[in-house]
Amino acid sequence: MRREPRIIPIGPGQLARTVAMHRRCSPQTLWSRYHRAMADPRTYVPTLLSRPGSVHLAAVGATGRIVALGHLMPDHAAAEAALLVEDSWQGRGLGTRLLQHLGEHARTGGWTTLYGLFLAGDERIDAMLRHAPVPVQRTEEGGAVTARVRVHDLTVHSIPRQ
């Protein structure tokens, strides 16, 4: 029986494992997350993990390997949520679980809006948002979609702590 990955907070101390997870992702998966071709992850992951006020979560498998990441990055009264799920783990609900945890952090962190950016036509993200238990406002501009939810709406849909 396979154990579900645990969701844990991470930071700069997990740089090597986070870089290794990025390297296991296909160029298409990285494009979906960053919306551009990315260089060596050692050039951008340290900055990402040390961004002030941000929350970084990882889904860690039974072997201790990071298989998915979620980031919550402050943007004034709003916070941006971003996800990256290793290709072989996609379609198993890890993105949804990470997004739920990030929503809880946004709620307790006092932000009023939680938003994420994704490429128009990204069917996985679109499906996840269609099943969201709260209203999602979407705007599309230049091939990118911004999805927003009011953090207040998340209060009735908070998740139990793991």
N, C-alpha and C. Protein backbone atom coordinates (compact mmCIF):
# COMPACT_ATOMS: atom_id res chain seq x y z
N MET A 1 0.84 -1.17 0.00
CA MET A 1 0.00 0.00 0.00
C MET A 1 0.89 1.25 0.00
N ARG A 2 0.65 2.17 -0.92
CA ARG A 2 1.44 3.38 -1.05
C ARG A 2 0.92 4.44 -0.08
N ARG A 3 1.84 5.03 0.68
CA ARG A 3 1.47 6.13 1.57
C ARG A 3 1.35 7.42 0.78
N GLU A 4 0.39 8.24 1.18
CA GLU A 4 0.23 9.56 0.57
C GLU A 4 1.42 10.43 0.97
N PRO A 5 1.92 11.25 0.07
CA PRO A 5 2.99 12.18 0.46
C PRO A 5 2.51 13.12 1.57
N ARG A 6 3.42 13.44 2.47
CA ARG A 6 3.15 14.40 3.54
C ARG A 6 3.40 15.80 3.01
N ILE A 7 2.62 16.77 3.49
CA ILE A 7 2.83 18.18 3.15
C ILE A 7 3.59 18.81 4.31
N ILE A 8 4.78 19.37 4.01
CA ILE A 8 5.62 19.96 5.04
C ILE A 8 6.10 21.34 4.59
N PRO A 9 6.40 22.22 5.54
CA PRO A 9 7.01 23.51 5.17
C PRO A 9 8.47 23.29 4.80
N ILE A 10 8.95 24.07 3.85
CA ILE A 10 10.36 23.99 3.46
C ILE A 10 10.92 25.41 3.35
N GLY A 11 12.23 25.48 3.22
CA GLY A 11 12.91 26.75 3.06
C GLY A 11 14.25 26.52 2.40
N PRO A 12 15.16 27.50 2.51
CA PRO A 12 16.46 27.38 1.86
C PRO A 12 17.25 26.14 2.26
N GLY A 13 16.99 25.59 3.43
CA GLY A 13 17.69 24.38 3.87
C GLY A 13 17.39 23.15 3.03
N GLN A 14 16.34 23.21 2.24
CA GLN A 14 15.98 22.09 1.36
C GLN A 14 16.31 22.40 -0.10
N LEU A 15 17.29 23.28 -0.32
CA LEU A 15 17.65 23.69 -1.67
C LEU A 15 18.00 22.50 -2.57
N ALA A 16 18.85 21.61 -2.11
CA ALA A 16 19.30 20.49 -2.95
C ALA A 16 18.12 19.61 -3.37
N ARG A 17 17.23 19.30 -2.42
CA ARG A 17 16.08 18.45 -2.76
C ARG A 17 15.11 19.18 -3.69
N THR A 18 14.97 20.49 -3.52
CA THR A 18 14.07 21.28 -4.37
C THR A 18 14.64 21.38 -5.78
N VAL A 19 15.93 21.60 -5.90
CA VAL A 19 16.58 21.66 -7.22
C VAL A 19 16.45 20.30 -7.91
N ALA A 20 16.67 19.22 -7.17
CA ALA A 20 16.56 17.88 -7.75
C ALA A 20 15.15 17.63 -8.27
N MET A 21 14.13 18.09 -7.54
CA MET A 21 12.75 17.92 -8.00
C MET A 21 12.53 18.70 -9.30
N HIS A 22 13.03 19.93 -9.37
CA HIS A 22 12.91 20.71 -10.61
C HIS A 22 13.56 19.97 -11.78
N ARG A 23 14.70 19.37 -11.54
CA ARG A 23 15.43 18.67 -12.62
C ARG A 23 14.68 17.43 -13.10
N ARG A 24 13.82 16.86 -12.26
CA ARG A 24 13.03 15.70 -12.69
C ARG A 24 11.79 16.10 -13.48
N CYS A 25 11.48 17.38 -13.51
CA CYS A 25 10.30 17.86 -14.25
C CYS A 25 10.63 18.05 -15.72
N SER A 26 9.66 17.75 -16.55
CA SER A 26 9.84 17.94 -18.00
C SER A 26 9.86 19.43 -18.34
N PRO A 27 10.42 19.78 -19.50
CA PRO A 27 10.37 21.18 -19.93
C PRO A 27 8.92 21.71 -20.02
N GLN A 28 7.97 20.85 -20.40
CA GLN A 28 6.57 21.27 -20.49
C GLN A 28 6.00 21.61 -19.10
N THR A 29 6.34 20.81 -18.11
CA THR A 29 5.86 21.06 -16.75
C THR A 29 6.46 22.36 -16.21
N LEU A 30 7.75 22.57 -16.44
CA LEU A 30 8.39 23.81 -16.00
C LEU A 30 7.80 25.02 -16.74
N TRP A 31 7.51 24.86 -18.03
CA TRP A 31 6.89 25.94 -18.81
C TRP A 31 5.52 26.29 -18.23
N SER A 32 4.76 25.26 -17.87
CA SER A 32 3.43 25.48 -17.29
C SER A 32 3.53 26.26 -15.98
N ARG A 33 4.56 26.01 -15.19
CA ARG A 33 4.73 26.70 -13.91
C ARG A 33 5.29 28.11 -14.07
N TYR A 34 6.36 28.24 -14.88
CA TYR A 34 7.08 29.52 -14.95
C TYR A 34 6.73 30.36 -16.19
N HIS A 35 6.03 29.77 -17.15
CA HIS A 35 5.58 30.46 -18.37
C HIS A 35 6.73 30.92 -19.24
N ARG A 36 7.85 30.28 -19.12
CA ARG A 36 9.02 30.55 -19.96
C ARG A 36 10.01 29.41 -19.77
N ALA A 37 10.97 29.33 -20.67
CA ALA A 37 12.03 28.34 -20.52
C ALA A 37 12.90 28.75 -19.33
N MET A 38 13.30 27.76 -18.56
CA MET A 38 14.06 28.06 -17.34
C MET A 38 15.48 27.51 -17.46
N ALA A 39 16.40 28.27 -16.89
CA ALA A 39 17.80 27.87 -16.85
C ALA A 39 17.98 26.83 -15.74
N ASP A 40 19.22 26.61 -15.37
CA ASP A 40 19.53 25.69 -14.28
C ASP A 40 18.79 26.14 -13.02
N PRO A 41 18.04 25.23 -12.37
CA PRO A 41 17.28 25.63 -11.19
C PRO A 41 18.13 26.20 -10.05
N ARG A 42 19.42 25.90 -10.04
CA ARG A 42 20.28 26.48 -8.99
C ARG A 42 20.39 27.99 -9.13
N THR A 43 20.00 28.54 -10.31
CA THR A 43 20.10 29.99 -10.50
C THR A 43 18.86 30.74 -10.01
N TYR A 44 17.70 30.07 -9.88
CA TYR A 44 16.49 30.77 -9.47
C TYR A 44 15.81 30.20 -8.23
N VAL A 45 16.03 28.96 -7.89
CA VAL A 45 15.36 28.36 -6.72
C VAL A 45 15.84 29.00 -5.41
N PRO A 46 17.13 29.33 -5.23
CA PRO A 46 17.52 29.96 -3.96
C PRO A 46 16.77 31.28 -3.70
N THR A 47 16.59 32.09 -4.72
CA THR A 47 15.85 33.34 -4.57
C THR A 47 14.40 33.06 -4.22
N LEU A 48 13.81 32.08 -4.89
CA LEU A 48 12.41 31.72 -4.62
C LEU A 48 12.22 31.29 -3.17
N LEU A 49 13.09 30.42 -2.68
CA LEU A 49 12.93 29.88 -1.32
C LEU A 49 13.28 30.87 -0.22
N SER A 50 13.97 31.96 -0.56
CA SER A 50 14.33 32.92 0.48
C SER A 50 13.55 34.23 0.34
N ARG A 51 12.50 34.23 -0.45
CA ARG A 51 11.69 35.44 -0.63
C ARG A 51 11.01 35.80 0.69
N PRO A 52 11.21 37.02 1.17
CA PRO A 52 10.66 37.43 2.47
C PRO A 52 9.13 37.31 2.52
N GLY A 53 8.62 36.78 3.64
CA GLY A 53 7.19 36.69 3.86
C GLY A 53 6.49 35.56 3.13
N SER A 54 7.22 34.81 2.33
CA SER A 54 6.61 33.73 1.55
C SER A 54 6.46 32.46 2.39
N VAL A 55 5.55 31.61 1.94
CA VAL A 55 5.35 30.29 2.53
C VAL A 55 5.66 29.27 1.44
N HIS A 56 6.48 28.29 1.77
CA HIS A 56 6.85 27.25 0.81
C HIS A 56 6.52 25.90 1.43
N LEU A 57 5.78 25.11 0.67
CA LEU A 57 5.38 23.78 1.13
C LEU A 57 5.86 22.74 0.12
N ALA A 58 6.11 21.55 0.61
CA ALA A 58 6.50 20.45 -0.27
C ALA A 58 5.68 19.22 0.07
N ALA A 59 5.37 18.46 -0.96
CA ALA A 59 4.81 17.13 -0.79
C ALA A 59 6.00 16.18 -0.83
N VAL A 60 6.18 15.44 0.26
CA VAL A 60 7.34 14.57 0.40
C VAL A 60 6.87 13.13 0.42
N GLY A 61 7.42 12.33 -0.49
CA GLY A 61 7.07 10.92 -0.56
C GLY A 61 7.70 10.12 0.56
N ALA A 62 7.39 8.83 0.62
CA ALA A 62 7.87 7.95 1.68
C ALA A 62 9.39 7.86 1.73
N THR A 63 10.06 8.11 0.59
CA THR A 63 11.53 8.04 0.55
C THR A 63 12.18 9.34 0.98
N GLY A 64 11.37 10.38 1.25
CA GLY A 64 11.91 11.67 1.62
C GLY A 64 12.13 12.59 0.43
N ARG A 65 11.82 12.11 -0.75
CA ARG A 65 11.99 12.90 -1.97
C ARG A 65 10.84 13.88 -2.13
N ILE A 66 11.15 15.13 -2.48
CA ILE A 66 10.13 16.12 -2.78
C ILE A 66 9.54 15.80 -4.14
N VAL A 67 8.19 15.69 -4.20
CA VAL A 67 7.52 15.35 -5.45
C VAL A 67 6.59 16.46 -5.94
N ALA A 68 6.36 17.47 -5.09
CA ALA A 68 5.53 18.61 -5.49
C ALA A 68 5.85 19.79 -4.57
N LEU A 69 5.65 20.98 -5.10
CA LEU A 69 5.92 22.21 -4.36
C LEU A 69 4.75 23.16 -4.46
N GLY A 70 4.54 23.91 -3.41
CA GLY A 70 3.56 24.99 -3.41
C GLY A 70 4.18 26.21 -2.77
N HIS A 71 3.95 27.36 -3.38
CA HIS A 71 4.52 28.60 -2.88
C HIS A 71 3.39 29.62 -2.70
N LEU A 72 3.46 30.39 -1.64
CA LEU A 72 2.54 31.48 -1.38
C LEU A 72 3.41 32.72 -1.20
N MET A 73 3.27 33.68 -2.14
CA MET A 73 4.15 34.83 -2.16
C MET A 73 3.35 36.12 -1.99
N PRO A 74 3.67 36.90 -0.97
CA PRO A 74 2.90 38.12 -0.69
C PRO A 74 3.00 39.13 -1.82
N ASP A 75 1.89 39.81 -2.05
CA ASP A 75 1.80 40.86 -3.07
C ASP A 75 0.81 41.89 -2.53
N HIS A 76 1.27 42.72 -1.57
CA HIS A 76 0.45 43.71 -0.86
C HIS A 76 -0.65 42.97 -0.08
N ALA A 77 -1.94 43.29 -0.32
CA ALA A 77 -3.03 42.64 0.42
C ALA A 77 -3.37 41.27 -0.17
N ALA A 78 -2.74 40.93 -1.28
CA ALA A 78 -2.98 39.65 -1.94
C ALA A 78 -1.76 38.75 -1.77
N ALA A 79 -1.94 37.49 -2.11
CA ALA A 79 -0.83 36.54 -2.12
C ALA A 79 -0.98 35.68 -3.36
N GLU A 80 0.14 35.46 -4.03
CA GLU A 80 0.15 34.62 -5.22
C GLU A 80 0.46 33.18 -4.82
N ALA A 81 -0.34 32.26 -5.32
CA ALA A 81 -0.09 30.83 -5.10
C ALA A 81 0.49 30.26 -6.39
N ALA A 82 1.51 29.42 -6.24
CA ALA A 82 2.13 28.77 -7.40
C ALA A 82 2.42 27.32 -7.04
N LEU A 83 2.22 26.43 -8.01
CA LEU A 83 2.38 25.00 -7.80
C LEU A 83 3.31 24.40 -8.83
N LEU A 84 4.03 23.36 -8.44
CA LEU A 84 4.83 22.56 -9.37
C LEU A 84 4.75 21.12 -8.88
N VAL A 85 4.24 20.25 -9.74
CA VAL A 85 4.11 18.84 -9.39
C VAL A 85 4.93 18.03 -10.40
N GLU A 86 5.82 17.21 -9.86
CA GLU A 86 6.66 16.36 -10.70
C GLU A 86 5.78 15.54 -11.65
N ASP A 87 6.23 15.38 -12.89
CA ASP A 87 5.42 14.73 -13.93
C ASP A 87 4.81 13.41 -13.49
N SER A 88 5.60 12.54 -12.89
CA SER A 88 5.10 11.21 -12.53
C SER A 88 4.08 11.24 -11.39
N TRP A 89 3.92 12.38 -10.73
CA TRP A 89 2.97 12.52 -9.64
C TRP A 89 1.74 13.34 -10.02
N GLN A 90 1.69 13.83 -11.24
CA GLN A 90 0.55 14.64 -11.66
C GLN A 90 -0.70 13.76 -11.78
N GLY A 91 -1.84 14.39 -11.53
CA GLY A 91 -3.11 13.68 -11.64
C GLY A 91 -3.48 12.88 -10.40
N ARG A 92 -2.76 13.06 -9.30
CA ARG A 92 -3.03 12.32 -8.07
C ARG A 92 -3.57 13.19 -6.94
N GLY A 93 -3.89 14.44 -7.25
CA GLY A 93 -4.47 15.32 -6.25
C GLY A 93 -3.48 16.12 -5.42
N LEU A 94 -2.17 16.02 -5.72
CA LEU A 94 -1.20 16.75 -4.91
C LEU A 94 -1.32 18.26 -5.09
N GLY A 95 -1.57 18.71 -6.31
CA GLY A 95 -1.75 20.14 -6.54
C GLY A 95 -2.93 20.68 -5.76
N THR A 96 -4.02 19.93 -5.76
CA THR A 96 -5.20 20.34 -5.00
C THR A 96 -4.90 20.38 -3.51
N ARG A 97 -4.22 19.37 -3.00
CA ARG A 97 -3.87 19.35 -1.57
C ARG A 97 -2.97 20.53 -1.21
N LEU A 98 -1.96 20.79 -2.04
CA LEU A 98 -1.07 21.92 -1.77
C LEU A 98 -1.84 23.24 -1.81
N LEU A 99 -2.73 23.37 -2.78
CA LEU A 99 -3.51 24.60 -2.90
C LEU A 99 -4.41 24.80 -1.67
N GLN A 100 -4.97 23.72 -1.15
CA GLN A 100 -5.77 23.82 0.07
C GLN A 100 -4.92 24.32 1.24
N HIS A 101 -3.73 23.78 1.39
CA HIS A 101 -2.84 24.22 2.46
C HIS A 101 -2.41 25.67 2.28
N LEU A 102 -2.11 26.04 1.03
CA LEU A 102 -1.73 27.44 0.78
C LEU A 102 -2.89 28.37 1.10
N GLY A 103 -4.11 27.95 0.77
CA GLY A 103 -5.29 28.75 1.10
C GLY A 103 -5.43 28.94 2.60
N GLU A 104 -5.15 27.90 3.36
CA GLU A 104 -5.20 28.00 4.82
C GLU A 104 -4.14 28.98 5.33
N HIS A 105 -2.95 28.94 4.76
CA HIS A 105 -1.90 29.89 5.14
C HIS A 105 -2.31 31.33 4.77
N ALA A 106 -2.95 31.50 3.62
CA ALA A 106 -3.41 32.83 3.22
C ALA A 106 -4.46 33.34 4.19
N ARG A 107 -5.35 32.45 4.60
CA ARG A 107 -6.41 32.82 5.53
C ARG A 107 -5.83 33.25 6.87
N THR A 108 -4.94 32.45 7.43
CA THR A 108 -4.37 32.78 8.73
C THR A 108 -3.34 33.90 8.64
N GLY A 109 -2.81 34.15 7.44
CA GLY A 109 -1.82 35.21 7.25
C GLY A 109 -2.43 36.58 7.04
N GLY A 110 -3.74 36.64 6.92
CA GLY A 110 -4.41 37.93 6.83
C GLY A 110 -4.52 38.53 5.43
N TRP A 111 -4.21 37.78 4.39
CA TRP A 111 -4.37 38.30 3.04
C TRP A 111 -5.84 38.31 2.64
N THR A 112 -6.23 39.24 1.81
CA THR A 112 -7.63 39.34 1.40
C THR A 112 -7.91 38.58 0.10
N THR A 113 -6.90 38.44 -0.74
CA THR A 113 -7.08 37.78 -2.04
C THR A 113 -5.97 36.77 -2.26
N LEU A 114 -6.32 35.64 -2.80
CA LEU A 114 -5.37 34.61 -3.21
C LEU A 114 -5.50 34.49 -4.71
N TYR A 115 -4.39 34.57 -5.43
CA TYR A 115 -4.47 34.47 -6.88
C TYR A 115 -3.35 33.60 -7.42
N GLY A 116 -3.58 33.13 -8.62
CA GLY A 116 -2.57 32.34 -9.32
C GLY A 116 -2.63 32.65 -10.80
N LEU A 117 -1.51 32.49 -11.45
CA LEU A 117 -1.41 32.70 -12.89
C LEU A 117 -1.19 31.37 -13.57
N PHE A 118 -1.90 31.16 -14.66
CA PHE A 118 -1.66 29.94 -15.43
C PHE A 118 -1.89 30.24 -16.90
N LEU A 119 -1.36 29.40 -17.75
CA LEU A 119 -1.48 29.59 -19.18
C LEU A 119 -2.87 29.19 -19.66
N ALA A 120 -3.44 30.01 -20.52
CA ALA A 120 -4.73 29.65 -21.11
C ALA A 120 -4.58 28.29 -21.79
N GLY A 121 -5.55 27.44 -21.61
CA GLY A 121 -5.50 26.10 -22.20
C GLY A 121 -4.88 25.04 -21.29
N ASP A 122 -4.41 25.42 -20.10
CA ASP A 122 -3.86 24.44 -19.16
C ASP A 122 -5.03 23.70 -18.53
N GLU A 123 -5.35 22.55 -19.08
CA GLU A 123 -6.54 21.81 -18.69
C GLU A 123 -6.51 21.30 -17.25
N ARG A 124 -5.33 20.95 -16.74
CA ARG A 124 -5.24 20.44 -15.36
C ARG A 124 -5.60 21.53 -14.35
N ILE A 125 -5.02 22.71 -14.53
CA ILE A 125 -5.32 23.81 -13.59
C ILE A 125 -6.77 24.23 -13.77
N ASP A 126 -7.22 24.31 -15.00
CA ASP A 126 -8.60 24.70 -15.25
C ASP A 126 -9.57 23.74 -14.56
N ALA A 127 -9.32 22.44 -14.66
CA ALA A 127 -10.18 21.44 -14.01
C ALA A 127 -10.15 21.59 -12.49
N MET A 128 -8.96 21.83 -11.93
CA MET A 128 -8.84 21.99 -10.48
C MET A 128 -9.69 23.19 -10.03
N LEU A 129 -9.64 24.27 -10.78
CA LEU A 129 -10.38 25.47 -10.39
C LEU A 129 -11.88 25.31 -10.60
N ARG A 130 -12.28 24.53 -11.59
CA ARG A 130 -13.72 24.28 -11.79
C ARG A 130 -14.33 23.55 -10.61
N HIS A 131 -13.52 22.75 -9.93
CA HIS A 131 -14.01 21.97 -8.79
C HIS A 131 -13.75 22.68 -7.45
N ALA A 132 -13.27 23.91 -7.50
CA ALA A 132 -13.01 24.65 -6.26
C ALA A 132 -14.31 24.86 -5.50
N PRO A 133 -14.27 24.75 -4.18
CA PRO A 133 -15.48 24.92 -3.38
C PRO A 133 -15.86 26.38 -3.14
N VAL A 134 -15.11 27.30 -3.74
CA VAL A 134 -15.38 28.74 -3.59
C VAL A 134 -15.44 29.37 -4.97
N PRO A 135 -16.10 30.54 -5.09
CA PRO A 135 -16.14 31.22 -6.39
C PRO A 135 -14.74 31.66 -6.83
N VAL A 136 -14.44 31.40 -8.10
CA VAL A 136 -13.15 31.77 -8.68
C VAL A 136 -13.41 32.79 -9.78
N GLN A 137 -12.78 33.94 -9.66
CA GLN A 137 -12.87 34.97 -10.69
C GLN A 137 -11.67 34.80 -11.62
N ARG A 138 -11.93 34.79 -12.92
CA ARG A 138 -10.86 34.61 -13.90
C ARG A 138 -10.81 35.79 -14.85
N THR A 139 -9.59 36.20 -15.18
CA THR A 139 -9.39 37.19 -16.24
C THR A 139 -8.27 36.67 -17.12
N GLU A 140 -8.44 36.85 -18.43
CA GLU A 140 -7.43 36.38 -19.37
C GLU A 140 -6.86 37.57 -20.12
N GLU A 141 -5.53 37.56 -20.23
CA GLU A 141 -4.85 38.62 -20.96
C GLU A 141 -3.57 38.06 -21.57
N GLY A 142 -3.45 38.18 -22.86
CA GLY A 142 -2.22 37.76 -23.53
C GLY A 142 -1.86 36.31 -23.36
N GLY A 143 -2.83 35.42 -23.31
CA GLY A 143 -2.56 33.99 -23.19
C GLY A 143 -2.35 33.50 -21.77
N ALA A 144 -2.42 34.42 -20.80
CA ALA A 144 -2.30 34.03 -19.39
C ALA A 144 -3.62 34.31 -18.69
N VAL A 145 -3.96 33.44 -17.76
CA VAL A 145 -5.19 33.58 -16.98
C VAL A 145 -4.79 33.86 -15.53
N THR A 146 -5.45 34.85 -14.95
CA THR A 146 -5.30 35.11 -13.52
C THR A 146 -6.57 34.63 -12.86
N ALA A 147 -6.44 33.72 -11.91
CA ALA A 147 -7.58 33.21 -11.14
C ALA A 147 -7.47 33.78 -9.73
N ARG A 148 -8.57 34.36 -9.25
CA ARG A 148 -8.59 34.99 -7.93
C ARG A 148 -9.73 34.44 -7.08
N VAL A 149 -9.46 34.29 -5.78
CA VAL A 149 -10.51 33.97 -4.82
C VAL A 149 -10.35 34.91 -3.64
N ARG A 150 -11.49 35.22 -3.02
CA ARG A 150 -11.44 36.00 -1.79
C ARG A 150 -11.06 35.05 -0.66
N VAL A 151 -10.04 35.42 0.08
CA VAL A 151 -9.57 34.56 1.17
C VAL A 151 -10.68 34.36 2.19
N HIS A 152 -11.52 35.37 2.40
CA HIS A 152 -12.65 35.23 3.33
C HIS A 152 -13.53 34.03 2.95
N ASP A 153 -13.69 33.77 1.66
CA ASP A 153 -14.51 32.64 1.21
C ASP A 153 -13.91 31.30 1.63
N LEU A 154 -12.61 31.29 1.89
CA LEU A 154 -11.94 30.04 2.28
C LEU A 154 -12.22 29.65 3.72
N THR A 155 -12.73 30.57 4.54
CA THR A 155 -12.90 30.27 5.96
C THR A 155 -13.85 29.10 6.20
N VAL A 156 -14.87 28.97 5.38
CA VAL A 156 -15.81 27.85 5.58
C VAL A 156 -15.29 26.57 4.96
N HIS A 157 -14.20 26.67 4.22
CA HIS A 157 -13.64 25.49 3.55
C HIS A 157 -12.24 25.19 4.03
N SER A 158 -11.93 25.58 5.28
CA SER A 158 -10.59 25.33 5.78
C SER A 158 -10.37 23.84 5.97
N ILE A 159 -9.11 23.44 5.93
CA ILE A 159 -8.76 22.03 5.99
C ILE A 159 -8.21 21.68 7.37
N PRO A 160 -8.35 20.44 7.77
CA PRO A 160 -7.74 20.03 9.02
C PRO A 160 -6.21 19.98 8.87
N ARG A 161 -5.50 20.28 9.91
CA ARG A 161 -4.03 20.24 9.89
C ARG A 161 -3.55 18.81 9.88
N GLN A 162 -2.49 18.56 9.12
CA GLN A 162 -1.88 17.22 9.08
C GLN A 162 -0.89 17.04 10.19
